[in-house]
C-alpha atoms as a PDB file:
ATOM      1  CA  MET A   1      86.400 113.284 103.559  1.00  0.00           C
ATOM      2  CA  LYS A   2      89.936 112.107 104.300  1.00  0.00           C
ATOM      3  CA  ALA A   3      92.254 111.228 101.422  1.00  0.00           C
ATOM      4  CA  ALA A   4      95.933 110.569 100.698  1.00  0.00           C
ATOM      5  CA  VAL A   5      96.988 113.674  98.769  1.00  0.00           C
ATOM      6  CA  PHE A   6      99.953 114.119  96.415  1.00  0.00           C
ATOM      7  CA  SER A   7     101.879 117.406  96.605  1.00  0.00           C
ATOM      8  CA  LYS A   8     105.042 116.965  94.517  1.00  0.00           C
ATOM      9  CA  PRO A   9     107.664 114.340  93.637  1.00  0.00           C
ATOM     10  CA  GLY A  10     109.937 113.443  96.523  1.00  0.00           C
ATOM     11  CA  ILE A  11     107.404 114.427  99.182  1.00  0.00           C
ATOM     12  CA  PRO A  12     105.345 111.652 100.835  1.00  0.00           C
ATOM     13  CA  LEU A  13     101.586 111.679 100.427  1.00  0.00           C
ATOM     14  CA  SER A  14      99.709 113.421 103.236  1.00  0.00           C
ATOM     15  CA  ILE A  15      96.353 112.618 104.805  1.00  0.00           C
ATOM     16  CA  GLU A  16      94.131 115.661 104.360  1.00  0.00           C
ATOM     17  CA  GLU A  17      90.500 116.699 104.398  1.00  0.00           C
ATOM     18  CA  VAL A  18      89.280 117.178 100.819  1.00  0.00           C
ATOM     19  CA  ALA A  19      85.881 117.881  99.294  1.00  0.00           C
ATOM     20  CA  ASP A  20      83.418 114.997  99.182  1.00  0.00           C
ATOM     21  CA  PRO A  21      82.724 113.814  95.617  1.00  0.00           C
ATOM     22  CA  GLU A  22      79.349 114.760  94.150  1.00  0.00           C
ATOM     23  CA  PRO A  23      77.524 112.566  91.635  1.00  0.00           C
ATOM     24  CA  GLY A  24      76.621 113.697  88.155  1.00  0.00           C
ATOM     25  CA  PRO A  25      73.347 112.386  86.716  1.00  0.00           C
ATOM     26  CA  ASP A  26      75.002 109.165  85.481  1.00  0.00           C
ATOM     27  CA  ASP A  27      77.319 108.666  88.457  1.00  0.00           C
ATOM     28  CA  LEU A  28      77.439 106.767  91.723  1.00  0.00           C
ATOM     29  CA  ILE A  29      79.286 107.646  94.923  1.00  0.00           C
ATOM     30  CA  LEU A  30      81.015 104.737  96.637  1.00  0.00           C
ATOM     31  CA  LYS A  31      82.239 104.363 100.158  1.00  0.00           C
ATOM     32  CA  VAL A  32      85.663 102.857  99.478  1.00  0.00           C
ATOM     33  CA  LYS A  33      85.991  99.479 101.178  1.00  0.00           C
ATOM     34  CA  ALA A  34      89.319  98.416  99.686  1.00  0.00           C
ATOM     35  CA  CYS A  35      91.905  99.905  97.322  1.00  0.00           C
ATOM     36  CA  GLY A  36      95.154  98.266  96.268  1.00  0.00           C
ATOM     37  CA  ILE A  37      98.429 100.146  95.941  1.00  0.00           C
ATOM     38  CA  CYS A  38      99.624  99.871  92.346  1.00  0.00           C
ATOM     39  CA  GLY A  39     103.198 100.173  91.112  1.00  0.00           C
ATOM     40  CA  THR A  40     101.965 102.603  88.461  1.00  0.00           C
ATOM     41  CA  ASP A  41     101.090 105.084  91.208  1.00  0.00           C
ATOM     42  CA  LEU A  42     104.517 104.638  92.796  1.00  0.00           C
ATOM     43  CA  HIS A  43     106.225 105.452  89.485  1.00  0.00           C
ATOM     44  CA  TRP A  44     103.798 108.239  88.625  1.00  0.00           C
ATOM     45  CA  SER A  45     104.314 110.032  91.928  1.00  0.00           C
ATOM     46  CA  GLN A  46     108.073 110.120  91.368  1.00  0.00           C
ATOM     47  CA  GLY A  47     107.604 112.542  88.479  1.00  0.00           C
ATOM     48  CA  ILE A  48     107.796 111.572  84.831  1.00  0.00           C
ATOM     49  CA  ASP A  49     108.615 113.059  81.453  1.00  0.00           C
ATOM     50  CA  PRO A  50     105.193 113.934  79.957  1.00  0.00           C
ATOM     51  CA  SER A  51     106.580 113.369  76.462  1.00  0.00           C
ATOM     52  CA  ALA A  52     106.496 109.672  77.338  1.00  0.00           C
ATOM     53  CA  GLY A  53     102.705 109.837  76.980  1.00  0.00           C
ATOM     54  CA  TRP A  54     101.645 110.059  80.610  1.00  0.00           C
ATOM     55  CA  ARG A  55     100.483 113.287  82.185  1.00  0.00           C
ATOM     56  CA  HIS A  56     102.070 114.886  85.233  1.00  0.00           C
ATOM     57  CA  LEU A  57     100.360 114.513  88.580  1.00  0.00           C
ATOM     58  CA  ALA A  58      99.097 117.907  89.658  1.00  0.00           C
ATOM     59  CA  PRO A  59      99.518 119.050  93.264  1.00  0.00           C
ATOM     60  CA  GLY A  60      96.446 118.038  95.236  1.00  0.00           C
ATOM     61  CA  SER A  61      95.783 114.893  93.189  1.00  0.00           C
ATOM     62  CA  VAL A  62      94.402 111.757  94.836  1.00  0.00           C
ATOM     63  CA  MET A  63      95.466 108.492  93.205  1.00  0.00           C
ATOM     64  CA  GLY A  64      94.041 104.974  93.568  1.00  0.00           C
ATOM     65  CA  HIS A  65      92.429 102.963  90.770  1.00  0.00           C
ATOM     66  CA  GLU A  66      92.139  99.361  92.072  1.00  0.00           C
ATOM     67  CA  PHE A  67      89.093  99.545  94.303  1.00  0.00           C
ATOM     68  CA  SER A  68      85.777  98.176  95.461  1.00  0.00           C
ATOM     69  CA  GLY A  69      83.090  99.791  97.538  1.00  0.00           C
ATOM     70  CA  GLU A  70      79.518 100.212  98.631  1.00  0.00           C
ATOM     71  CA  ILE A  71      77.072 102.572  96.918  1.00  0.00           C
ATOM     72  CA  VAL A  72      76.057 105.433  99.205  1.00  0.00           C
ATOM     73  CA  GLU A  73      74.664 107.989  96.728  1.00  0.00           C
ATOM     74  CA  LEU A  74      73.076 107.762  93.279  1.00  0.00           C
ATOM     75  CA  GLY A  75      72.845 110.217  90.388  1.00  0.00           C
ATOM     76  CA  LYS A  76      69.351 110.934  89.093  1.00  0.00           C
ATOM     77  CA  ASN A  77      69.721 108.715  85.990  1.00  0.00           C
ATOM     78  CA  THR A  78      71.041 105.699  87.898  1.00  0.00           C
ATOM     79  CA  ARG A  79      68.003 104.979  90.061  1.00  0.00           C
ATOM     80  CA  GLY A  80      66.367 101.707  89.098  1.00  0.00           C
ATOM     81  CA  ARG A  81      69.667 100.321  87.831  1.00  0.00           C
ATOM     82  CA  PHE A  82      71.547 100.349  91.132  1.00  0.00           C
ATOM     83  CA  ARG A  83      70.537 100.879  94.723  1.00  0.00           C
ATOM     84  CA  SER A  84      72.177 102.215  97.848  1.00  0.00           C
ATOM     85  CA  GLY A  85      74.148  99.601  99.769  1.00  0.00           C
ATOM     86  CA  GLU A  86      75.094  97.450  96.774  1.00  0.00           C
ATOM     87  CA  ARG A  87      78.652  96.079  96.670  1.00  0.00           C
ATOM     88  CA  VAL A  88      80.373  97.025  93.417  1.00  0.00           C
ATOM     89  CA  VAL A  89      83.608  97.459  91.527  1.00  0.00           C
ATOM     90  CA  ALA A  90      84.241  99.916  88.712  1.00  0.00           C
ATOM     91  CA  GLN A  91      86.688 100.546  85.933  1.00  0.00           C
ATOM     92  CA  PRO A  92      88.876 103.490  86.986  1.00  0.00           C
ATOM     93  CA  PHE A  93      87.738 106.002  84.374  1.00  0.00           C
ATOM     94  CA  ILE A  94      84.496 107.557  83.162  1.00  0.00           C
ATOM     95  CA  GLY A  95      83.696 107.766  79.438  1.00  0.00           C
ATOM     96  CA  CYS A  96      80.994 109.686  77.597  1.00  0.00           C
ATOM     97  CA  GLY A  97      78.899 106.526  77.241  1.00  0.00           C
ATOM     98  CA  ASP A  98      77.865 107.285  73.650  1.00  0.00           C
ATOM     99  CA  CYS A  99      80.921 106.913  71.389  1.00  0.00           C
ATOM    100  CA  ASP A 100      81.976 103.700  69.635  1.00  0.00           C
ATOM    101  CA  ALA A 101      84.695 103.030  72.224  1.00  0.00           C
ATOM    102  CA  CYS A 102      82.288 103.399  75.150  1.00  0.00           C
ATOM    103  CA  ARG A 103      79.637 101.230  73.503  1.00  0.00           C
ATOM    104  CA  ALA A 104      82.292  98.561  72.963  1.00  0.00           C
ATOM    105  CA  GLY A 105      83.136  98.596  76.666  1.00  0.00           C
ATOM    106  CA  ARG A 106      86.478 100.308  76.061  1.00  0.00           C
ATOM    107  CA  SER A 107      85.755 103.684  77.617  1.00  0.00           C
ATOM    108  CA  TYR A 108      89.456 104.206  78.316  1.00  0.00           C
ATOM    109  CA  ARG A 109      89.673 104.935  74.555  1.00  0.00           C
ATOM    110  CA  CYS A 110      86.924 107.573  74.729  1.00  0.00           C
ATOM    111  CA  THR A 111      88.229 110.898  73.404  1.00  0.00           C
ATOM    112  CA  VAL A 112      86.706 112.753  76.362  1.00  0.00           C
ATOM    113  CA  VAL A 113      87.446 110.133  79.030  1.00  0.00           C
ATOM    114  CA  THR A 114      87.841 111.368  82.603  1.00  0.00           C
ATOM    115  CA  THR A 115      90.715 109.646  84.364  1.00  0.00           C
ATOM    116  CA  ARG A 116      91.477 109.326  88.051  1.00  0.00           C
ATOM    117  CA  ALA A 117      93.959 111.467  89.950  1.00  0.00           C
ATOM    118  CA  SER A 118      92.810 114.451  87.907  1.00  0.00           C
ATOM    119  CA  ALA A 119      91.123 117.699  88.890  1.00  0.00           C
ATOM    120  CA  ASP A 120      87.840 116.175  87.705  1.00  0.00           C
ATOM    121  CA  LEU A 121      88.052 112.782  89.399  1.00  0.00           C
ATOM    122  CA  THR A 122      89.716 111.844  92.668  1.00  0.00           C
ATOM    123  CA  GLY A 123      91.070 108.348  93.065  1.00  0.00           C
ATOM    124  CA  ALA A 124      90.229 105.793  95.732  1.00  0.00           C
ATOM    125  CA  TYR A 125      93.032 106.443  98.217  1.00  0.00           C
ATOM    126  CA  ALA A 126      90.177 108.121 100.042  1.00  0.00           C
ATOM    127  CA  GLU A 127      87.034 107.459 102.031  1.00  0.00           C
ATOM    128  CA  TYR A 128      84.730 108.004  99.040  1.00  0.00           C
ATOM    129  CA  THR A 129      85.026 108.069  95.260  1.00  0.00           C
ATOM    130  CA  ARG A 130      82.840 108.800  92.226  1.00  0.00           C
ATOM    131  CA  VAL A 131      82.262 106.243  89.466  1.00  0.00           C
ATOM    132  CA  GLY A 132      80.306 106.171  86.206  1.00  0.00           C
ATOM    133  CA  ILE A 133      77.309 103.875  85.964  1.00  0.00           C
ATOM    134  CA  ALA A 134      78.514 102.508  82.610  1.00  0.00           C
ATOM    135  CA  GLU A 135      81.804 101.399  84.181  1.00  0.00           C
ATOM    136  CA  THR A 136      80.292  99.865  87.339  1.00  0.00           C
ATOM    137  CA  LEU A 137      79.686  96.158  87.949  1.00  0.00           C
ATOM    138  CA  ARG A 138      78.207  94.274  90.883  1.00  0.00           C
ATOM    139  CA  LEU A 139      80.428  92.199  93.148  1.00  0.00           C
ATOM    140  CA  PRO A 140      79.170  88.668  93.934  1.00  0.00           C
ATOM    141  CA  ASP A 141      78.089  88.085  97.521  1.00  0.00           C
ATOM    142  CA  ASN A 142      80.760  85.427  98.019  1.00  0.00           C
ATOM    143  CA  ALA A 143      83.596  87.691  96.830  1.00  0.00           C
ATOM    144  CA  SER A 144      85.310  89.878  99.414  1.00  0.00           C
ATOM    145  CA  PHE A 145      85.938  93.586  98.989  1.00  0.00           C
ATOM    146  CA  HIS A 146      89.637  92.704  98.747  1.00  0.00           C
ATOM    147  CA  ALA A 147      88.857  90.397  95.826  1.00  0.00           C
ATOM    148  CA  GLY A 148      86.833  93.194  94.266  1.00  0.00           C
ATOM    149  CA  ALA A 149      89.784  95.560  94.477  1.00  0.00           C
ATOM    150  CA  LEU A 150      91.887  92.912  92.722  1.00  0.00           C
ATOM    151  CA  VAL A 151      89.600  92.795  89.680  1.00  0.00           C
ATOM    152  CA  GLU A 152      91.573  95.612  88.031  1.00  0.00           C
ATOM    153  CA  PRO A 153      95.067  94.009  88.174  1.00  0.00           C
ATOM    154  CA  LEU A 154      93.565  90.614  87.346  1.00  0.00           C
ATOM    155  CA  ALA A 155      91.917  92.171  84.279  1.00  0.00           C
ATOM    156  CA  VAL A 156      95.264  93.673  83.227  1.00  0.00           C
ATOM    157  CA  GLY A 157      96.755  90.180  83.270  1.00  0.00           C
ATOM    158  CA  LEU A 158      93.763  88.726  81.456  1.00  0.00           C
ATOM    159  CA  ASN A 159      94.060  91.261  78.630  1.00  0.00           C
ATOM    160  CA  ALA A 160      97.779  90.512  78.270  1.00  0.00           C
ATOM    161  CA  VAL A 161      97.234  86.752  78.071  1.00  0.00           C
ATOM    162  CA  LYS A 162      94.424  87.168  75.538  1.00  0.00           C
ATOM    163  CA  ARG A 163      96.693  89.305  73.365  1.00  0.00           C
ATOM    164  CA  ALA A 164      99.429  86.674  73.584  1.00  0.00           C
ATOM    165  CA  GLY A 165      97.401  84.229  71.501  1.00  0.00           C
ATOM    166  CA  LEU A 166      98.393  81.478  73.908  1.00  0.00           C
ATOM    167  CA  GLN A 167      98.087  77.898  72.653  1.00  0.00           C
ATOM    168  CA  VAL A 168      97.212  74.977  74.911  1.00  0.00           C
ATOM    169  CA  GLY A 169     100.451  73.360  76.053  1.00  0.00           C
ATOM    170  CA  ASP A 170     102.659  76.401  75.419  1.00  0.00           C
ATOM    171  CA  PRO A 171     105.657  76.877  77.725  1.00  0.00           C
ATOM    172  CA  VAL A 172     105.619  80.399  79.196  1.00  0.00           C
ATOM    173  CA  LEU A 173     108.177  82.597  80.952  1.00  0.00           C
ATOM    174  CA  VAL A 174     106.789  85.386  83.141  1.00  0.00           C
ATOM    175  CA  ILE A 175     109.412  87.980  84.098  1.00  0.00           C
ATOM    176  CA  GLY A 176     108.385  89.748  87.305  1.00  0.00           C
ATOM    177  CA  ALA A 177     106.392  88.282  90.209  1.00  0.00           C
ATOM    178  CA  GLY A 178     104.455  91.371  91.221  1.00  0.00           C
ATOM    179  CA  PRO A 179     100.639  91.366  91.163  1.00  0.00           C
ATOM    180  CA  VAL A 180     100.456  91.731  87.365  1.00  0.00           C
ATOM    181  CA  GLY A 181     103.026  88.978  86.812  1.00  0.00           C
ATOM    182  CA  LEU A 182     101.151  86.644  89.134  1.00  0.00           C
ATOM    183  CA  SER A 183      97.904  87.548  87.391  1.00  0.00           C
ATOM    184  CA  VAL A 184      99.498  86.662  84.052  1.00  0.00           C
ATOM    185  CA  ALA A 185     100.735  83.345  85.464  1.00  0.00           C
ATOM    186  CA  LEU A 186      97.269  82.570  86.800  1.00  0.00           C
ATOM    187  CA  TRP A 187      95.551  83.196  83.469  1.00  0.00           C
ATOM    188  CA  CYS A 188      98.222  81.305  81.502  1.00  0.00           C
ATOM    189  CA  ARG A 189      97.469  78.180  83.526  1.00  0.00           C
ATOM    190  CA  PHE A 190      93.743  78.865  83.359  1.00  0.00           C
ATOM    191  CA  PHE A 191      93.869  78.887  79.548  1.00  0.00           C
ATOM    192  CA  GLY A 192      95.994  75.758  79.248  1.00  0.00           C
ATOM    193  CA  ALA A 193      99.688  76.656  79.245  1.00  0.00           C
ATOM    194  CA  HIS A 194     101.729  73.631  80.310  1.00  0.00           C
ATOM    195  CA  ASP A 195     104.888  75.072  81.854  1.00  0.00           C
ATOM    196  CA  VAL A 196     104.356  78.481  83.472  1.00  0.00           C
ATOM    197  CA  ILE A 197     107.654  79.569  84.981  1.00  0.00           C
ATOM    198  CA  VAL A 198     108.023  82.869  86.851  1.00  0.00           C
ATOM    199  CA  SER A 199     111.316  84.685  87.488  1.00  0.00           C
ATOM    200  CA  ASP A 200     111.955  87.511  89.931  1.00  0.00           C
ATOM    201  CA  LEU A 201     114.939  89.136  91.635  1.00  0.00           C
ATOM    202  CA  VAL A 202     113.204  88.673  95.012  1.00  0.00           C
ATOM    203  CA  GLU A 203     113.268  84.944  95.717  1.00  0.00           C
ATOM    204  CA  GLU A 204     110.289  85.000  98.085  1.00  0.00           C
ATOM    205  CA  ARG A 205     108.080  86.733  95.521  1.00  0.00           C
ATOM    206  CA  ALA A 206     109.102  84.269  92.816  1.00  0.00           C
ATOM    207  CA  GLY A 207     108.352  81.363  95.149  1.00  0.00           C
ATOM    208  CA  ARG A 208     104.861  82.604  95.924  1.00  0.00           C
ATOM    209  CA  SER A 209     103.959  82.377  92.240  1.00  0.00           C
ATOM    210  CA  ILE A 210     103.305  78.661  92.753  1.00  0.00           C
ATOM    211  CA  GLU A 211     100.144  79.623  94.667  1.00  0.00           C
ATOM    212  CA  PHE A 212      98.856  81.362  91.546  1.00  0.00           C
ATOM    213  CA  GLY A 213      99.367  78.662  88.960  1.00  0.00           C
ATOM    214  CA  ALA A 214     103.084  78.804  88.195  1.00  0.00           C
ATOM    215  CA  THR A 215     104.638  75.371  87.775  1.00  0.00           C
ATOM    216  CA  ALA A 216     108.092  76.572  88.829  1.00  0.00           C
ATOM    217  CA  ALA A 217     109.901  79.688  90.023  1.00  0.00           C
ATOM    218  CA  ILE A 218     113.362  81.039  89.239  1.00  0.00           C
ATOM    219  CA  ASP A 219     115.429  83.257  91.511  1.00  0.00           C
ATOM    220  CA  ALA A 220     116.738  85.653  88.868  1.00  0.00           C
ATOM    221  CA  ALA A 221     119.242  87.124  91.326  1.00  0.00           C
ATOM    222  CA  SER A 222     121.220  83.885  91.555  1.00  0.00           C
ATOM    223  CA  GLU A 223     120.251  81.717  88.579  1.00  0.00           C
ATOM    224  CA  ASP A 224     120.664  81.861  84.800  1.00  0.00           C
ATOM    225  CA  VAL A 225     117.019  82.254  83.791  1.00  0.00           C
ATOM    226  CA  GLN A 226     117.360  80.842  80.263  1.00  0.00           C
ATOM    227  CA  ALA A 227     119.334  77.788  81.343  1.00  0.00           C
ATOM    228  CA  ARG A 228     117.110  77.122  84.338  1.00  0.00           C
ATOM    229  CA  PHE A 229     113.935  77.450  82.248  1.00  0.00           C
ATOM    230  CA  LYS A 230     115.164  74.932  79.682  1.00  0.00           C
ATOM    231  CA  LYS A 231     116.225  72.512  82.409  1.00  0.00           C
ATOM    232  CA  ILE A 232     112.777  72.673  84.021  1.00  0.00           C
ATOM    233  CA  ALA A 233     110.620  72.655  80.884  1.00  0.00           C
ATOM    234  CA  GLY A 234     112.898  70.735  78.544  1.00  0.00           C
ATOM    235  CA  ARG A 235     112.425  73.423  75.894  1.00  0.00           C
ATOM    236  CA  PRO A 236     112.565  77.230  75.627  1.00  0.00           C
ATOM    237  CA  PRO A 237     109.469  79.393  76.178  1.00  0.00           C
ATOM    238  CA  ALA A 238     107.051  80.038  73.329  1.00  0.00           C
ATOM    239  CA  VAL A 239     105.755  83.179  75.034  1.00  0.00           C
ATOM    240  CA  VAL A 240     107.626  85.616  77.288  1.00  0.00           C
ATOM    241  CA  PHE A 241     105.788  88.238  79.361  1.00  0.00           C
ATOM    242  CA  ASP A 242     107.623  91.343  80.602  1.00  0.00           C
ATOM    243  CA  CYS A 243     105.718  92.266  83.765  1.00  0.00           C
ATOM    244  CA  VAL A 244     108.397  94.523  85.259  1.00  0.00           C
ATOM    245  CA  GLY A 245     107.889  97.904  83.595  1.00  0.00           C
ATOM    246  CA  LEU A 246     111.217  99.515  84.448  1.00  0.00           C
ATOM    247  CA  PRO A 247     113.908 100.905  82.132  1.00  0.00           C
ATOM    248  CA  GLY A 248     115.965  97.972  80.905  1.00  0.00           C
ATOM    249  CA  SER A 249     113.283  95.318  81.340  1.00  0.00           C
ATOM    250  CA  LEU A 250     112.324  95.391  77.651  1.00  0.00           C
ATOM    251  CA  GLN A 251     115.899  94.626  76.617  1.00  0.00           C
ATOM    252  CA  LEU A 252     116.144  91.970  79.333  1.00  0.00           C
ATOM    253  CA  SER A 253     113.034  90.310  77.938  1.00  0.00           C
ATOM    254  CA  ILE A 254     114.456  90.389  74.407  1.00  0.00           C
ATOM    255  CA  ASP A 255     117.681  88.837  75.689  1.00  0.00           C
ATOM    256  CA  GLN A 256     115.833  86.044  77.497  1.00  0.00           C
ATOM    257  CA  ALA A 257     113.403  85.282  74.663  1.00  0.00           C
ATOM    258  CA  PRO A 258     114.406  82.469  72.272  1.00  0.00           C
ATOM    259  CA  THR A 259     114.192  82.565  68.482  1.00  0.00           C
ATOM    260  CA  ASP A 260     110.640  82.901  67.112  1.00  0.00           C
ATOM    261  CA  ALA A 261     109.117  83.606  70.530  1.00  0.00           C
ATOM    262  CA  HIS A 262     106.216  85.950  71.181  1.00  0.00           C
ATOM    263  CA  LEU A 263     107.166  88.718  73.620  1.00  0.00           C
ATOM    264  CA  VAL A 264     104.287  90.477  75.405  1.00  0.00           C
ATOM    265  CA  ILE A 265     105.079  93.746  77.181  1.00  0.00           C
ATOM    266  CA  VAL A 266     102.571  94.399  79.968  1.00  0.00           C
ATOM    267  CA  GLY A 267     104.721  96.080  82.647  1.00  0.00           C
ATOM    268  CA  LEU A 268     104.035  99.817  82.308  1.00  0.00           C
ATOM    269  CA  CYS A 269     107.378 101.612  82.020  1.00  0.00           C
ATOM    270  CA  MET A 270     106.783 105.337  82.537  1.00  0.00           C
ATOM    271  CA  ALA A 271     110.264 106.500  81.595  1.00  0.00           C
ATOM    272  CA  LYS A 272     112.190 106.663  78.344  1.00  0.00           C
ATOM    273  CA  ASP A 273     113.975 103.433  77.516  1.00  0.00           C
ATOM    274  CA  THR A 274     116.187 102.010  74.795  1.00  0.00           C
ATOM    275  CA  PHE A 275     116.717  98.579  73.306  1.00  0.00           C
ATOM    276  CA  PHE A 276     118.757  96.995  70.514  1.00  0.00           C
ATOM    277  CA  PRO A 277     116.370  96.298  67.612  1.00  0.00           C
ATOM    278  CA  ALA A 278     118.877  93.978  65.917  1.00  0.00           C
ATOM    279  CA  LYS A 279     118.705  91.548  68.836  1.00  0.00           C
ATOM    280  CA  ALA A 280     114.939  91.226  68.367  1.00  0.00           C
ATOM    281  CA  ILE A 281     115.180  91.178  64.566  1.00  0.00           C
ATOM    282  CA  VAL A 282     117.794  88.423  64.434  1.00  0.00           C
ATOM    283  CA  LYS A 283     115.611  86.279  66.707  1.00  0.00           C
ATOM    284  CA  GLU A 284     112.530  87.184  64.616  1.00  0.00           C
ATOM    285  CA  LEU A 285     110.575  87.944  67.753  1.00  0.00           C
ATOM    286  CA  ARG A 286     106.957  88.990  67.637  1.00  0.00           C
ATOM    287  CA  ILE A 287     106.425  91.815  70.131  1.00  0.00           C
ATOM    288  CA  THR A 288     103.002  92.837  71.436  1.00  0.00           C
ATOM    289  CA  PHE A 289     102.242  95.651  73.859  1.00  0.00           C
ATOM    290  CA  ALA A 290      99.292  95.141  76.216  1.00  0.00           C
ATOM    291  CA  PHE A 291      97.659  97.984  78.145  1.00  0.00           C
ATOM    292  CA  VAL A 292      94.385  97.578  80.010  1.00  0.00           C
ATOM    293  CA  TYR A 293      90.986  95.906  79.716  1.00  0.00           C
ATOM    294  CA  SER A 294      87.485  96.070  78.369  1.00  0.00           C
ATOM    295  CA  LYS A 295      84.347  95.999  80.475  1.00  0.00           C
ATOM    296  CA  SER A 296      83.853  92.384  79.393  1.00  0.00           C
ATOM    297  CA  ASP A 297      87.302  91.545  80.805  1.00  0.00           C
ATOM    298  CA  PHE A 298      86.219  93.047  84.134  1.00  0.00           C
ATOM    299  CA  GLN A 299      83.012  91.008  84.050  1.00  0.00           C
ATOM    300  CA  PHE A 300      84.888  87.793  83.226  1.00  0.00           C
ATOM    301  CA  VAL A 301      87.182  88.277  86.222  1.00  0.00           C
ATOM    302  CA  ILE A 302      84.183  88.977  88.457  1.00  0.00           C
ATOM    303  CA  ASP A 303      82.456  85.818  87.196  1.00  0.00           C
ATOM    304  CA  MET A 304      85.562  83.760  87.960  1.00  0.00           C
ATOM    305  CA  LEU A 305      85.706  85.255  91.457  1.00  0.00           C
ATOM    306  CA  GLY A 306      82.059  84.374  91.960  1.00  0.00           C
ATOM    307  CA  SER A 307      82.675  80.784  90.881  1.00  0.00           C
ATOM    308  CA  GLU A 308      85.745  80.645  93.158  1.00  0.00           C
ATOM    309  CA  ARG A 309      87.936  79.444  90.288  1.00  0.00           C
ATOM    310  CA  ILE A 310      90.799  81.867  90.962  1.00  0.00           C
ATOM    311  CA  PRO A 311      92.669  82.427  94.278  1.00  0.00           C
ATOM    312  CA  ALA A 312      92.523  86.214  94.331  1.00  0.00           C
ATOM    313  CA  ASP A 313      92.598  86.930  98.070  1.00  0.00           C
ATOM    314  CA  ALA A 314      96.004  85.265  98.450  1.00  0.00           C
ATOM    315  CA  LEU A 315      97.531  88.226  96.577  1.00  0.00           C
ATOM    316  CA  VAL A 316      96.870  90.479  99.576  1.00  0.00           C
ATOM    317  CA  THR A 317      99.860  90.497 101.927  1.00  0.00           C
ATOM    318  CA  SER A 318      99.182  93.608 104.030  1.00  0.00           C
ATOM    319  CA  VAL A 319      96.178  95.696 105.090  1.00  0.00           C
ATOM    320  CA  ILE A 320      96.506  99.302 106.272  1.00  0.00           C
ATOM    321  CA  GLY A 321      94.317 102.269 107.128  1.00  0.00           C
ATOM    322  CA  LEU A 322      94.624 105.847 105.915  1.00  0.00           C
ATOM    323  CA  ASP A 323      96.746 106.984 108.865  1.00  0.00           C
ATOM    324  CA  ASP A 324      99.508 104.487 108.011  1.00  0.00           C
ATOM    325  CA  PHE A 325      99.099 104.818 104.262  1.00  0.00           C
ATOM    326  CA  PRO A 326     101.782 107.433 103.409  1.00  0.00           C
ATOM    327  CA  HIS A 327     104.515 105.499 105.246  1.00  0.00           C
ATOM    328  CA  LYS A 328     103.613 102.184 103.596  1.00  0.00           C
ATOM    329  CA  PHE A 329     103.332 103.827 100.177  1.00  0.00           C
ATOM    330  CA  GLU A 330     106.908 105.122 100.484  1.00  0.00           C
ATOM    331  CA  ALA A 331     108.190 101.779 101.801  1.00  0.00           C
ATOM    332  CA  LEU A 332     106.939 100.025  98.668  1.00  0.00           C
ATOM    333  CA  ARG A 333     109.396 101.994  96.541  1.00  0.00           C
ATOM    334  CA  SER A 334     112.053  99.492  97.666  1.00  0.00           C
ATOM    335  CA  PRO A 335     111.692  95.871  96.470  1.00  0.00           C
ATOM    336  CA  GLY A 336     110.310  93.588  99.136  1.00  0.00           C
ATOM    337  CA  ALA A 337     108.182  90.532  99.774  1.00  0.00           C
ATOM    338  CA  ASP A 338     104.804  92.309  99.695  1.00  0.00           C
ATOM    339  CA  LEU A 339     102.561  91.448  96.769  1.00  0.00           C
ATOM    340  CA  LYS A 340      99.439  93.579  97.109  1.00  0.00           C
ATOM    341  CA  VAL A 341      99.007  96.059  99.937  1.00  0.00           C
ATOM    342  CA  MET A 342      95.351  96.846 100.492  1.00  0.00           C
ATOM    343  CA  LEU A 343      94.042 100.125 101.866  1.00  0.00           C
ATOM    344  CA  GLU A 344      90.897  99.955 103.976  1.00  0.00           C
ATOM    345  CA  PRO A 345      90.136 103.606 104.785  1.00  0.00           C
ATOM    346  CA  GLY A 346      88.405 102.679 108.036  1.00  0.00           C
ATOM    347  CA  PHE A 347      91.029 100.170 109.168  1.00  0.00           C
ATOM    348  CA  SER A 348      92.841 100.847 112.434  1.00  0.00           C
ATOM    349  CA  SER A 349      95.963  98.888 113.363  1.00  0.00           C
END
């Protein structure tokens, strides 16, 4: 099959022929119909310090973890539970299926979890990918493959908002209007936040947050975020979400949070960073770090897509095929107006 292959930091991905995935007894093989480009992959492919808790990408790795597809092959233990041709999404890892974490739907905490972009599991920047039956969920007929590929980032935002302990009527500041930030804004409104205000250094991205539930947007490049927030909402935020995930964004979030606020860090910074603890201590901030999602979070997002209660497809701003993928992947390293770029392996421009 064709796939976008990583070689080393600083070198663009290349489209190569790689081995087709083969199913284990509890696995399914999907024909990839859509896969979103995630900022995590952009950072990861630049090379990171493994002491930060994230492994190096090995040469020959294939990334891609926000995907949907169609079942084309079934492992021997999956027959009767799924069938060829079904439209599905899957969590981007495969657990053992038997430990407490797996039984709780949190297979990313499994001690023997297999993660994507590893020697054991190629990602979905490819024509086909392997998934575990325990991590796979059906996509409703009225949800597009694009919407299916957005389940993962929407579930990231859902987990963050759940961990925030949001109260109905809370004013909320979301820092960063990328896909995760917009997902957070969407779920904040869904669960009853009153003022959901999104700031971003790219004015167009901030402005688009209104489509996803934000009540106002702030151009952080030209406006004082704290002053503008208070003018709009009439009060400071009760909850601040850092959805940026770059060195310095944690301190920025601390600086913009008011006294007694709850700060939720969901942007995944993959480099060492520093902050001034005294600034958080003096404000008596409560800081929570949010990572990913349970299987029930995935199912909740899918149910909301099926009921058409969330505007997922509007997140997609570009569609590309494999041939154009390396160029677009590199272009996304520079801030721009794109929200979610979607790979369709069979797409031809």
